[in-house]
Amino acid sequence: MSRLTISNALASLKSHDQPFRELFQHGSLVVEFYAPKGKDLQEPHTRDEIYVIASGSGYFVNGDTRNQFEKGEVLFVPAGVVHRFEDFSNDFSTWVFFYGPEGGENA
């Protein structure tokens, strides 16, 4: 699939038993859509990742920092770093892009 939309991504989650769904993969790139309800239970990942906030707002914990986020923002998380979304709105959803080698890229 070369074209992804928020409405198609949300629709694909309705028939899925998890709050995320892989929608595209090419080489080391994996694109997912994530829309947790109530609480974000994710664990640190083994690859670097980028979030592009599709809708909603809240707070993002990334290692030792906690900052507000809103629709349209881009957030980066290095591999292995504890992170989660907190106090997010009911309409929160985000694109997730995993890329690079296991363990993350060198800075």
C-alpha atoms as a PDB file:
ATOM      1  CA  MET A   1       0.000   0.000   0.000  1.00  0.00           C
ATOM      2  CA  SER A   2       1.503   3.343  -1.000  1.00  0.00           C
ATOM      3  CA  ARG A   3      -1.306   5.562   0.311  1.00  0.00           C
ATOM      4  CA  LEU A   4      -2.438   5.597   3.938  1.00  0.00           C
ATOM      5  CA  THR A   5      -5.196   7.757   5.418  1.00  0.00           C
ATOM      6  CA  ILE A   6      -6.288   8.426   8.982  1.00  0.00           C
ATOM      7  CA  SER A   7      -9.833   7.245   8.242  1.00  0.00           C
ATOM      8  CA  ASN A   8      -8.597   3.947   6.734  1.00  0.00           C
ATOM      9  CA  ALA A   9      -6.194   3.444   9.636  1.00  0.00           C
ATOM     10  CA  LEU A  10      -8.937   4.030  12.221  1.00  0.00           C
ATOM     11  CA  ALA A  11     -11.273   1.681  10.352  1.00  0.00           C
ATOM     12  CA  SER A  12      -8.615  -1.055  10.360  1.00  0.00           C
ATOM     13  CA  LEU A  13      -8.353  -0.790  14.168  1.00  0.00           C
ATOM     14  CA  LYS A  14     -12.075  -1.475  14.604  1.00  0.00           C
ATOM     15  CA  SER A  15     -11.606  -5.043  13.391  1.00  0.00           C
ATOM     16  CA  HIS A  16      -8.383  -5.552  15.352  1.00  0.00           C
ATOM     17  CA  ASP A  17      -7.957  -6.659  18.983  1.00  0.00           C
ATOM     18  CA  GLN A  18      -5.001  -4.328  19.728  1.00  0.00           C
ATOM     19  CA  PRO A  19      -4.778  -0.497  19.896  1.00  0.00           C
ATOM     20  CA  PHE A  20      -2.173  -0.520  17.098  1.00  0.00           C
ATOM     21  CA  ARG A  21      -1.967  -1.969  13.624  1.00  0.00           C
ATOM     22  CA  GLU A  22       0.922  -2.387  11.194  1.00  0.00           C
ATOM     23  CA  LEU A  23      -0.134  -0.875   7.863  1.00  0.00           C
ATOM     24  CA  PHE A  24       3.030  -0.763   5.761  1.00  0.00           C
ATOM     25  CA  GLN A  25       6.534  -2.208   5.643  1.00  0.00           C
ATOM     26  CA  HIS A  26       9.458  -1.531   3.316  1.00  0.00           C
ATOM     27  CA  GLY A  27      13.065  -2.401   4.140  1.00  0.00           C
ATOM     28  CA  SER A  28      13.671  -1.385   7.742  1.00  0.00           C
ATOM     29  CA  LEU A  29      10.649   0.960   7.770  1.00  0.00           C
ATOM     30  CA  VAL A  30       7.442  -0.148   9.491  1.00  0.00           C
ATOM     31  CA  VAL A  31       4.417   2.180   9.635  1.00  0.00           C
ATOM     32  CA  GLU A  32       1.782   1.558  12.284  1.00  0.00           C
ATOM     33  CA  PHE A  33      -1.254   3.435  13.508  1.00  0.00           C
ATOM     34  CA  TYR A  34      -1.818   3.631  17.285  1.00  0.00           C
ATOM     35  CA  ALA A  35      -4.971   4.725  19.105  1.00  0.00           C
ATOM     36  CA  PRO A  36      -4.974   3.563  22.733  1.00  0.00           C
ATOM     37  CA  LYS A  37      -8.090   4.025  24.857  1.00  0.00           C
ATOM     38  CA  GLY A  38      -7.677   5.263  28.432  1.00  0.00           C
ATOM     39  CA  LYS A  39      -4.112   4.130  29.101  1.00  0.00           C
ATOM     40  CA  ASP A  40      -0.925   3.633  27.095  1.00  0.00           C
ATOM     41  CA  LEU A  41       0.622   0.293  28.091  1.00  0.00           C
ATOM     42  CA  GLN A  42       3.506   0.156  25.619  1.00  0.00           C
ATOM     43  CA  GLU A  43       7.012  -0.921  26.598  1.00  0.00           C
ATOM     44  CA  PRO A  44      10.333   0.404  25.216  1.00  0.00           C
ATOM     45  CA  HIS A  45      10.988  -0.686  21.632  1.00  0.00           C
ATOM     46  CA  THR A  46      14.131  -2.192  20.140  1.00  0.00           C
ATOM     47  CA  ARG A  47      14.274   0.254  17.205  1.00  0.00           C
ATOM     48  CA  ASP A  48      14.180   4.039  16.854  1.00  0.00           C
ATOM     49  CA  GLU A  49      10.724   5.447  16.276  1.00  0.00           C
ATOM     50  CA  ILE A  50       8.937   8.598  15.248  1.00  0.00           C
ATOM     51  CA  TYR A  51       5.372   9.520  16.154  1.00  0.00           C
ATOM     52  CA  VAL A  52       3.332  11.927  14.041  1.00  0.00           C
ATOM     53  CA  ILE A  53       0.285  12.925  16.060  1.00  0.00           C
ATOM     54  CA  ALA A  54      -2.805  12.474  13.869  1.00  0.00           C
ATOM     55  CA  SER A  55      -5.410  13.721  16.358  1.00  0.00           C
ATOM     56  CA  GLY A  56      -5.868  14.672  19.974  1.00  0.00           C
ATOM     57  CA  SER A  57      -3.617  16.046  22.673  1.00  0.00           C
ATOM     58  CA  GLY A  58      -2.107  15.093  26.016  1.00  0.00           C
ATOM     59  CA  TYR A  59       1.278  14.542  27.606  1.00  0.00           C
ATOM     60  CA  PHE A  60       4.208  12.506  26.315  1.00  0.00           C
ATOM     61  CA  VAL A  61       6.772  10.937  28.635  1.00  0.00           C
ATOM     62  CA  ASN A  62      10.076  10.343  26.848  1.00  0.00           C
ATOM     63  CA  GLY A  63      12.767   9.129  29.228  1.00  0.00           C
ATOM     64  CA  ASP A  64      13.038  11.722  32.008  1.00  0.00           C
ATOM     65  CA  THR A  65      10.919  14.390  30.283  1.00  0.00           C
ATOM     66  CA  ARG A  66       7.155  14.962  30.200  1.00  0.00           C
ATOM     67  CA  ASN A  67       5.801  17.476  27.688  1.00  0.00           C
ATOM     68  CA  GLN A  68       2.440  18.405  26.244  1.00  0.00           C
ATOM     69  CA  PHE A  69       1.671  17.333  22.676  1.00  0.00           C
ATOM     70  CA  GLU A  70      -1.021  18.139  20.133  1.00  0.00           C
ATOM     71  CA  LYS A  71      -2.151  17.218  16.639  1.00  0.00           C
ATOM     72  CA  GLY A  72       0.511  17.697  13.974  1.00  0.00           C
ATOM     73  CA  GLU A  73       3.567  17.315  16.213  1.00  0.00           C
ATOM     74  CA  VAL A  74       6.456  14.953  15.490  1.00  0.00           C
ATOM     75  CA  LEU A  75       8.039  13.099  18.429  1.00  0.00           C
ATOM     76  CA  PHE A  76      11.239  11.020  18.366  1.00  0.00           C
ATOM     77  CA  VAL A  77      12.101   8.145  20.720  1.00  0.00           C
ATOM     78  CA  PRO A  78      15.485   6.384  20.591  1.00  0.00           C
ATOM     79  CA  ALA A  79      15.489   2.594  20.821  1.00  0.00           C
ATOM     80  CA  GLY A  80      15.235   1.273  24.380  1.00  0.00           C
ATOM     81  CA  VAL A  81      13.921   4.479  25.996  1.00  0.00           C
ATOM     82  CA  VAL A  82      10.890   4.254  28.297  1.00  0.00           C
ATOM     83  CA  HIS A  83       8.065   6.333  26.826  1.00  0.00           C
ATOM     84  CA  ARG A  84       4.281   6.631  26.942  1.00  0.00           C
ATOM     85  CA  PHE A  85       1.353   8.915  26.313  1.00  0.00           C
ATOM     86  CA  GLU A  86      -0.510  10.162  29.392  1.00  0.00           C
ATOM     87  CA  ASP A  87      -3.698  12.106  30.091  1.00  0.00           C
ATOM     88  CA  PHE A  88      -4.567  12.054  26.386  1.00  0.00           C
ATOM     89  CA  SER A  89      -7.872  13.074  24.851  1.00  0.00           C
ATOM     90  CA  ASN A  90     -10.451  10.485  23.753  1.00  0.00           C
ATOM     91  CA  ASP A  91      -9.717  11.233  20.089  1.00  0.00           C
ATOM     92  CA  PHE A  92      -5.949  10.632  20.411  1.00  0.00           C
ATOM     93  CA  SER A  93      -4.287   8.723  17.567  1.00  0.00           C
ATOM     94  CA  THR A  94      -0.829   8.719  16.053  1.00  0.00           C
ATOM     95  CA  TRP A  95       1.189   7.374  13.158  1.00  0.00           C
ATOM     96  CA  VAL A  96       4.199   5.345  14.323  1.00  0.00           C
ATOM     97  CA  PHE A  97       7.324   4.905  12.178  1.00  0.00           C
ATOM     98  CA  PHE A  98       9.887   2.295  13.261  1.00  0.00           C
ATOM     99  CA  TYR A  99      13.130   2.280  11.304  1.00  0.00           C
ATOM    100  CA  GLY A 100      16.783   1.320  11.336  1.00  0.00           C
ATOM    101  CA  PRO A 101      18.612  -1.535  12.995  1.00  0.00           C
ATOM    102  CA  GLU A 102      17.775  -3.323  16.246  1.00  0.00           C
ATOM    103  CA  GLY A 103      19.218  -1.245  19.073  1.00  0.00           C
ATOM    104  CA  GLY A 104      18.757   1.998  17.139  1.00  0.00           C
ATOM    105  CA  GLU A 105      21.051   4.054  14.959  1.00  0.00           C
ATOM    106  CA  ASN A 106      24.234   5.605  16.291  1.00  0.00           C
ATOM    107  CA  ALA A 107      23.912   9.307  17.084  1.00  0.00           C
END
